[in-house]
Structure formats: structure tokens, C-alpha cells
Amino acid sequence: MAKKIGSLKTYLLIGLFVAVFLPPFAKYQELRAKNKRLEEELVSLRVESKRLEEEKKRLETDINYVEKKARERIGIVKKGEIVLKEPISKK
């Protein structure tokens, strides 16, 4: 009988331990995964920011680049240029 009470106490302690510590641990794991995703997104955003800063600097300093971008945007070609277009693929 004393063995049953001892093992019952052990099971109760284990159950109490699981009930108290498992939900916070699960939340911790969830937050770690979210933090990892956010850190990856931050790295991606930093790369994009750097690319945009470089393009901004180039737009501010390189008149040929500005002309190229403007012509691409509005679809104008210089006299004597040949425009090549990719054929639209049918799927």
C-alpha cells in the first residue's frame, strides 16, 4: 500500500510538473520559431534596402542610368535602336 501511495505521489508530481511547465515551454518554442522567421525577414529587408540605396545613389549620379530607366518605363526607343521582345509562351 505504501508503494502505491509513493508511486501515486510520483505520478502526481510528474503530472503537476508537466501541467505547469509544458504550456510555457510550448509558447517559448513558438516564440523562438517566430523570432527566427523575423530575423530572416530582417536580413532580406536589409538586402533589399541596400539594393534600393544603391539604385537611389545611381539615379542621383548617373544620367545614363536615369535615361535608361525612364525609357524602359515609358517605352521610348532612340532612333536606330531595335527593340527585341520575348514571344509570349502559350501554356
C-alpha atoms as a PDB file:
ATOM      1  CA  MET A   1       0.000   0.000   0.000  1.00  0.00           C
ATOM      2  CA  ALA A   2       2.835   2.349   0.847  1.00  0.00           C
ATOM      3  CA  LYS A   3       4.405   1.622  -2.546  1.00  0.00           C
ATOM      4  CA  LYS A   4       1.146   2.551  -4.307  1.00  0.00           C
ATOM      5  CA  ILE A   5       0.965   5.844  -2.417  1.00  0.00           C
ATOM      6  CA  GLY A   6       4.622   6.570  -3.220  1.00  0.00           C
ATOM      7  CA  SER A   7       4.181   5.889  -6.921  1.00  0.00           C
ATOM      8  CA  LEU A   8       0.901   7.840  -6.929  1.00  0.00           C
ATOM      9  CA  LYS A   9       2.743  10.829  -5.463  1.00  0.00           C
ATOM     10  CA  THR A  10       5.426  10.433  -8.120  1.00  0.00           C
ATOM     11  CA  TYR A  11       2.828  10.398 -10.891  1.00  0.00           C
ATOM     12  CA  LEU A  12       1.095  13.411  -9.381  1.00  0.00           C
ATOM     13  CA  LEU A  13       4.386  15.309  -9.191  1.00  0.00           C
ATOM     14  CA  ILE A  14       5.179  14.430 -12.794  1.00  0.00           C
ATOM     15  CA  GLY A  15       1.671  15.451 -13.862  1.00  0.00           C
ATOM     16  CA  LEU A  16       1.949  18.719 -11.941  1.00  0.00           C
ATOM     17  CA  PHE A  17       5.365  19.391 -13.444  1.00  0.00           C
ATOM     18  CA  VAL A  18       4.035  18.771 -16.975  1.00  0.00           C
ATOM     19  CA  ALA A  19       0.926  20.887 -16.358  1.00  0.00           C
ATOM     20  CA  VAL A  20       2.963  23.800 -15.013  1.00  0.00           C
ATOM     21  CA  PHE A  21       5.953  23.798 -17.361  1.00  0.00           C
ATOM     22  CA  LEU A  22       4.695  22.364 -20.666  1.00  0.00           C
ATOM     23  CA  PRO A  23       2.466  25.288 -21.802  1.00  0.00           C
ATOM     24  CA  PRO A  24       5.173  27.933 -21.212  1.00  0.00           C
ATOM     25  CA  PHE A  25       7.736  25.703 -22.935  1.00  0.00           C
ATOM     26  CA  ALA A  26       5.457  25.298 -25.952  1.00  0.00           C
ATOM     27  CA  LYS A  27       4.946  29.078 -26.060  1.00  0.00           C
ATOM     28  CA  TYR A  28       8.726  29.544 -25.816  1.00  0.00           C
ATOM     29  CA  GLN A  29       9.278  27.218 -28.786  1.00  0.00           C
ATOM     30  CA  GLU A  30       6.608  29.072 -30.771  1.00  0.00           C
ATOM     31  CA  LEU A  31       8.242  32.427 -29.991  1.00  0.00           C
ATOM     32  CA  ARG A  32      11.685  31.080 -30.962  1.00  0.00           C
ATOM     33  CA  ALA A  33      10.337  29.963 -34.339  1.00  0.00           C
ATOM     34  CA  LYS A  34       8.649  33.338 -34.851  1.00  0.00           C
ATOM     35  CA  ASN A  35      11.869  35.134 -33.879  1.00  0.00           C
ATOM     36  CA  LYS A  36      13.835  33.070 -36.405  1.00  0.00           C
ATOM     37  CA  ARG A  37      11.340  33.940 -39.175  1.00  0.00           C
ATOM     38  CA  LEU A  38      11.514  37.620 -38.251  1.00  0.00           C
ATOM     39  CA  GLU A  39      15.323  37.581 -38.234  1.00  0.00           C
ATOM     40  CA  GLU A  40      15.314  36.011 -41.715  1.00  0.00           C
ATOM     41  CA  GLU A  41      12.843  38.647 -42.895  1.00  0.00           C
ATOM     42  CA  LEU A  42      15.044  41.361 -41.387  1.00  0.00           C
ATOM     43  CA  VAL A  43      18.068  40.075 -43.311  1.00  0.00           C
ATOM     44  CA  SER A  44      16.019  40.045 -46.503  1.00  0.00           C
ATOM     45  CA  LEU A  45      14.776  43.579 -45.866  1.00  0.00           C
ATOM     46  CA  ARG A  46      18.316  44.790 -45.190  1.00  0.00           C
ATOM     47  CA  VAL A  47      19.488  43.334 -48.511  1.00  0.00           C
ATOM     48  CA  GLU A  48      16.557  44.984 -50.302  1.00  0.00           C
ATOM     49  CA  SER A  49      17.242  48.269 -48.512  1.00  0.00           C
ATOM     50  CA  LYS A  50      20.893  48.165 -49.573  1.00  0.00           C
ATOM     51  CA  ARG A  51      19.886  47.461 -53.177  1.00  0.00           C
ATOM     52  CA  LEU A  52      17.443  50.374 -53.126  1.00  0.00           C
ATOM     53  CA  GLU A  53      20.039  52.699 -51.589  1.00  0.00           C
ATOM     54  CA  GLU A  54      22.488  51.766 -54.357  1.00  0.00           C
ATOM     55  CA  GLU A  55      19.837  52.361 -57.006  1.00  0.00           C
ATOM     56  CA  LYS A  56      18.934  55.709 -55.411  1.00  0.00           C
ATOM     57  CA  LYS A  57      22.577  56.757 -55.452  1.00  0.00           C
ATOM     58  CA  ARG A  58      22.900  55.662 -59.065  1.00  0.00           C
ATOM     59  CA  LEU A  59      19.744  57.586 -60.022  1.00  0.00           C
ATOM     60  CA  GLU A  60      21.176  60.688 -58.338  1.00  0.00           C
ATOM     61  CA  THR A  61      24.580  60.461 -60.034  1.00  0.00           C
ATOM     62  CA  ASP A  62      24.357  58.529 -63.328  1.00  0.00           C
ATOM     63  CA  ILE A  63      22.408  60.397 -66.034  1.00  0.00           C
ATOM     64  CA  ASN A  64      22.711  57.474 -68.471  1.00  0.00           C
ATOM     65  CA  TYR A  65      21.087  55.157 -65.931  1.00  0.00           C
ATOM     66  CA  VAL A  66      18.287  57.681 -65.359  1.00  0.00           C
ATOM     67  CA  GLU A  67      17.693  57.881 -69.117  1.00  0.00           C
ATOM     68  CA  LYS A  68      17.686  54.085 -69.448  1.00  0.00           C
ATOM     69  CA  LYS A  69      15.197  53.656 -66.604  1.00  0.00           C
ATOM     70  CA  ALA A  70      12.942  56.416 -67.902  1.00  0.00           C
ATOM     71  CA  ARG A  71      12.957  54.963 -71.423  1.00  0.00           C
ATOM     72  CA  GLU A  72      12.184  51.479 -70.089  1.00  0.00           C
ATOM     73  CA  ARG A  73       9.318  52.810 -68.015  1.00  0.00           C
ATOM     74  CA  ILE A  74       7.593  54.754 -70.783  1.00  0.00           C
ATOM     75  CA  GLY A  75       8.685  52.549 -73.693  1.00  0.00           C
ATOM     76  CA  ILE A  76      10.614  55.024 -75.808  1.00  0.00           C
ATOM     77  CA  VAL A  77      13.451  53.972 -78.112  1.00  0.00           C
ATOM     78  CA  LYS A  78      16.175  56.075 -79.708  1.00  0.00           C
ATOM     79  CA  LYS A  79      16.412  56.473 -83.428  1.00  0.00           C
ATOM     80  CA  GLY A  80      18.231  53.478 -84.896  1.00  0.00           C
ATOM     81  CA  GLU A  81      17.612  51.190 -81.892  1.00  0.00           C
ATOM     82  CA  ILE A  82      15.990  47.831 -82.410  1.00  0.00           C
ATOM     83  CA  VAL A  83      13.589  46.560 -79.774  1.00  0.00           C
ATOM     84  CA  LEU A  84      13.542  42.843 -79.109  1.00  0.00           C
ATOM     85  CA  LYS A  85      10.583  41.330 -77.337  1.00  0.00           C
ATOM     86  CA  GLU A  86      10.232  37.829 -75.991  1.00  0.00           C
ATOM     87  CA  PRO A  87       7.372  35.909 -77.549  1.00  0.00           C
ATOM     88  CA  ILE A  88       4.527  35.168 -75.183  1.00  0.00           C
ATOM     89  CA  SER A  89       4.536  31.479 -74.438  1.00  0.00           C
ATOM     90  CA  LYS A  90       1.235  29.633 -74.591  1.00  0.00           C
ATOM     91  CA  LYS A  91       0.750  27.106 -71.844  1.00  0.00           C
END
